[in-house]
Amino acid sequence: MNTVPAMRPAHYQPRRRPRPLMTGFSVTALVLGCVALAFSPVPIVNNLGFFCGVLGIIFGLIATIRARRWMPVFGIATATLGIVITLVLQAKWARELDEIQRDLDQFQHHRLAADRNI
């Protein structure tokens, strides 16, 4: 048996390693953005979604700067949308709770006034 290694052509140059895709950061940004978007309409749990959105934006920015791909951009977009929805809904719910509290205070005041007149 003749075991001669295969000869490479003289013009052969080894391939350069491609730039890393940063898929770990990209996927993390996208998943955290989706979690933020999914949790945003759920009261109480949307606080966790807010923090997932912030982390998703951070991971997405890191992946975008290093890899310049589209997946982290979608992660940033979903995380931002989740944060915006969370803040809008929390403001709405806070106004509604203030209105309910005002109505309860008014009801209690009228009830006390009625009890004094009896």
C-alpha atoms as a PDB file:
ATOM      1  CA  MET A   1       0.000   0.000   0.000  1.00  0.00           C
ATOM      2  CA  ASN A   2       1.244   3.366  -0.934  1.00  0.00           C
ATOM      3  CA  THR A   3       0.079   6.018   1.544  1.00  0.00           C
ATOM      4  CA  VAL A   4       0.989   9.290  -0.028  1.00  0.00           C
ATOM      5  CA  PRO A   5      -0.893  12.300   1.314  1.00  0.00           C
ATOM      6  CA  ALA A   6      -3.005  14.114  -1.240  1.00  0.00           C
ATOM      7  CA  MET A   7      -1.202  17.117  -2.614  1.00  0.00           C
ATOM      8  CA  ARG A   8      -2.961  20.434  -2.603  1.00  0.00           C
ATOM      9  CA  PRO A   9      -2.673  22.755  -5.579  1.00  0.00           C
ATOM     10  CA  ALA A  10      -0.085  25.502  -5.233  1.00  0.00           C
ATOM     11  CA  HIS A  11      -2.762  28.224  -5.297  1.00  0.00           C
ATOM     12  CA  TYR A  12      -4.711  26.627  -2.442  1.00  0.00           C
ATOM     13  CA  GLN A  13      -5.226  28.814   0.571  1.00  0.00           C
ATOM     14  CA  PRO A  14      -7.014  27.574   3.641  1.00  0.00           C
ATOM     15  CA  ARG A  15     -10.410  29.121   4.169  1.00  0.00           C
ATOM     16  CA  ARG A  16     -10.618  31.868   6.680  1.00  0.00           C
ATOM     17  CA  ARG A  17     -12.966  31.290   9.480  1.00  0.00           C
ATOM     18  CA  PRO A  18     -16.148  33.244   8.910  1.00  0.00           C
ATOM     19  CA  ARG A  19     -17.014  35.984  11.322  1.00  0.00           C
ATOM     20  CA  PRO A  20     -18.950  34.513  14.253  1.00  0.00           C
ATOM     21  CA  LEU A  21     -22.665  34.923  13.904  1.00  0.00           C
ATOM     22  CA  MET A  22     -23.191  35.509  17.619  1.00  0.00           C
ATOM     23  CA  THR A  23     -26.182  33.211  17.396  1.00  0.00           C
ATOM     24  CA  GLY A  24     -26.260  32.782  21.175  1.00  0.00           C
ATOM     25  CA  PHE A  25     -26.789  36.491  21.814  1.00  0.00           C
ATOM     26  CA  SER A  26     -29.109  36.807  18.817  1.00  0.00           C
ATOM     27  CA  VAL A  27     -31.348  33.933  19.877  1.00  0.00           C
ATOM     28  CA  THR A  28     -31.316  35.139  23.486  1.00  0.00           C
ATOM     29  CA  ALA A  29     -32.398  38.614  22.393  1.00  0.00           C
ATOM     30  CA  LEU A  30     -35.192  37.202  20.261  1.00  0.00           C
ATOM     31  CA  VAL A  31     -36.444  34.824  22.963  1.00  0.00           C
ATOM     32  CA  LEU A  32     -36.361  37.519  25.657  1.00  0.00           C
ATOM     33  CA  GLY A  33     -38.164  39.899  23.300  1.00  0.00           C
ATOM     34  CA  CYS A  34     -40.879  37.311  22.667  1.00  0.00           C
ATOM     35  CA  VAL A  35     -41.223  36.669  26.413  1.00  0.00           C
ATOM     36  CA  ALA A  36     -41.541  40.412  27.030  1.00  0.00           C
ATOM     37  CA  LEU A  37     -44.175  40.665  24.330  1.00  0.00           C
ATOM     38  CA  ALA A  38     -46.096  37.647  25.642  1.00  0.00           C
ATOM     39  CA  PHE A  39     -46.069  38.798  29.287  1.00  0.00           C
ATOM     40  CA  SER A  40     -46.881  42.455  28.578  1.00  0.00           C
ATOM     41  CA  PRO A  41     -50.713  42.200  28.697  1.00  0.00           C
ATOM     42  CA  VAL A  42     -50.756  40.088  31.886  1.00  0.00           C
ATOM     43  CA  PRO A  43     -51.048  42.121  35.104  1.00  0.00           C
ATOM     44  CA  ILE A  44     -48.329  41.549  37.738  1.00  0.00           C
ATOM     45  CA  VAL A  45     -46.413  39.149  35.449  1.00  0.00           C
ATOM     46  CA  ASN A  46     -45.754  42.016  33.032  1.00  0.00           C
ATOM     47  CA  ASN A  47     -43.116  43.295  35.470  1.00  0.00           C
ATOM     48  CA  LEU A  48     -41.067  40.189  34.690  1.00  0.00           C
ATOM     49  CA  GLY A  49     -41.744  40.818  30.996  1.00  0.00           C
ATOM     50  CA  PHE A  50     -40.413  44.358  31.375  1.00  0.00           C
ATOM     51  CA  PHE A  51     -37.097  43.096  32.749  1.00  0.00           C
ATOM     52  CA  CYS A  52     -36.904  40.430  30.037  1.00  0.00           C
ATOM     53  CA  GLY A  53     -37.413  43.221  27.500  1.00  0.00           C
ATOM     54  CA  VAL A  54     -34.578  45.256  28.962  1.00  0.00           C
ATOM     55  CA  LEU A  55     -32.268  42.229  28.868  1.00  0.00           C
ATOM     56  CA  GLY A  56     -33.426  41.453  25.333  1.00  0.00           C
ATOM     57  CA  ILE A  57     -32.477  44.942  24.197  1.00  0.00           C
ATOM     58  CA  ILE A  58     -29.039  44.636  25.840  1.00  0.00           C
ATOM     59  CA  PHE A  59     -28.316  41.229  24.269  1.00  0.00           C
ATOM     60  CA  GLY A  60     -29.686  42.423  20.947  1.00  0.00           C
ATOM     61  CA  LEU A  61     -27.441  45.473  20.921  1.00  0.00           C
ATOM     62  CA  ILE A  62     -24.382  43.369  21.728  1.00  0.00           C
ATOM     63  CA  ALA A  63     -25.224  40.880  18.967  1.00  0.00           C
ATOM     64  CA  THR A  64     -25.981  43.637  16.455  1.00  0.00           C
ATOM     65  CA  ILE A  65     -22.695  45.422  17.090  1.00  0.00           C
ATOM     66  CA  ARG A  66     -20.613  42.248  16.883  1.00  0.00           C
ATOM     67  CA  ALA A  67     -22.356  40.271  14.129  1.00  0.00           C
ATOM     68  CA  ARG A  68     -24.459  42.778  12.167  1.00  0.00           C
ATOM     69  CA  ARG A  69     -27.273  40.324  11.459  1.00  0.00           C
ATOM     70  CA  TRP A  70     -31.041  40.709  11.342  1.00  0.00           C
ATOM     71  CA  MET A  71     -32.104  38.337  14.122  1.00  0.00           C
ATOM     72  CA  PRO A  72     -30.956  40.590  16.978  1.00  0.00           C
ATOM     73  CA  VAL A  73     -32.758  43.502  15.330  1.00  0.00           C
ATOM     74  CA  PHE A  74     -36.001  41.533  15.548  1.00  0.00           C
ATOM     75  CA  GLY A  75     -35.159  40.718  19.161  1.00  0.00           C
ATOM     76  CA  ILE A  76     -34.678  44.416  19.909  1.00  0.00           C
ATOM     77  CA  ALA A  77     -37.948  45.247  18.145  1.00  0.00           C
ATOM     78  CA  THR A  78     -40.006  42.650  20.047  1.00  0.00           C
ATOM     79  CA  ALA A  79     -38.390  43.599  23.363  1.00  0.00           C
ATOM     80  CA  THR A  80     -39.085  47.302  22.772  1.00  0.00           C
ATOM     81  CA  LEU A  81     -42.681  46.574  21.787  1.00  0.00           C
ATOM     82  CA  GLY A  82     -43.129  44.456  24.932  1.00  0.00           C
ATOM     83  CA  ILE A  83     -41.763  47.255  27.111  1.00  0.00           C
ATOM     84  CA  VAL A  84     -43.977  49.878  25.470  1.00  0.00           C
ATOM     85  CA  ILE A  85     -47.109  47.731  25.826  1.00  0.00           C
ATOM     86  CA  THR A  86     -46.235  47.027  29.469  1.00  0.00           C
ATOM     87  CA  LEU A  87     -45.798  50.713  30.302  1.00  0.00           C
ATOM     88  CA  VAL A  88     -48.975  51.765  28.487  1.00  0.00           C
ATOM     89  CA  LEU A  89     -51.086  49.084  30.163  1.00  0.00           C
ATOM     90  CA  GLN A  90     -49.631  49.781  33.609  1.00  0.00           C
ATOM     91  CA  ALA A  91     -50.461  53.474  33.227  1.00  0.00           C
ATOM     92  CA  LYS A  92     -54.006  52.569  32.156  1.00  0.00           C
ATOM     93  CA  TRP A  93     -54.456  50.168  35.070  1.00  0.00           C
ATOM     94  CA  ALA A  94     -53.088  52.736  37.534  1.00  0.00           C
ATOM     95  CA  ARG A  95     -55.641  55.320  36.324  1.00  0.00           C
ATOM     96  CA  GLU A  96     -58.448  52.772  36.661  1.00  0.00           C
ATOM     97  CA  LEU A  97     -57.366  51.790  40.178  1.00  0.00           C
ATOM     98  CA  ASP A  98     -57.203  55.456  41.192  1.00  0.00           C
ATOM     99  CA  GLU A  99     -60.723  55.935  39.874  1.00  0.00           C
ATOM    100  CA  ILE A 100     -61.973  52.884  41.795  1.00  0.00           C
ATOM    101  CA  GLN A 101     -60.282  54.140  44.969  1.00  0.00           C
ATOM    102  CA  ARG A 102     -61.886  57.563  44.512  1.00  0.00           C
ATOM    103  CA  ASP A 103     -65.324  55.958  44.095  1.00  0.00           C
ATOM    104  CA  LEU A 104     -64.813  53.817  47.204  1.00  0.00           C
ATOM    105  CA  ASP A 105     -63.733  56.840  49.253  1.00  0.00           C
ATOM    106  CA  GLN A 106     -66.762  58.772  48.054  1.00  0.00           C
ATOM    107  CA  PHE A 107     -69.072  55.844  48.887  1.00  0.00           C
ATOM    108  CA  GLN A 108     -67.559  55.512  52.367  1.00  0.00           C
ATOM    109  CA  HIS A 109     -67.936  59.255  52.969  1.00  0.00           C
ATOM    110  CA  HIS A 110     -71.640  59.165  51.990  1.00  0.00           C
ATOM    111  CA  ARG A 111     -72.233  56.094  54.121  1.00  0.00           C
ATOM    112  CA  LEU A 112     -70.654  57.729  57.183  1.00  0.00           C
ATOM    113  CA  ALA A 113     -72.734  60.853  56.599  1.00  0.00           C
ATOM    114  CA  ALA A 114     -75.888  58.737  56.347  1.00  0.00           C
ATOM    115  CA  ASP A 115     -75.032  56.877  59.568  1.00  0.00           C
ATOM    116  CA  ARG A 116     -74.642  60.172  61.451  1.00  0.00           C
ATOM    117  CA  ASN A 117     -78.081  61.370  60.331  1.00  0.00           C
ATOM    118  CA  ILE A 118     -79.860  58.306  61.656  1.00  0.00           C
END
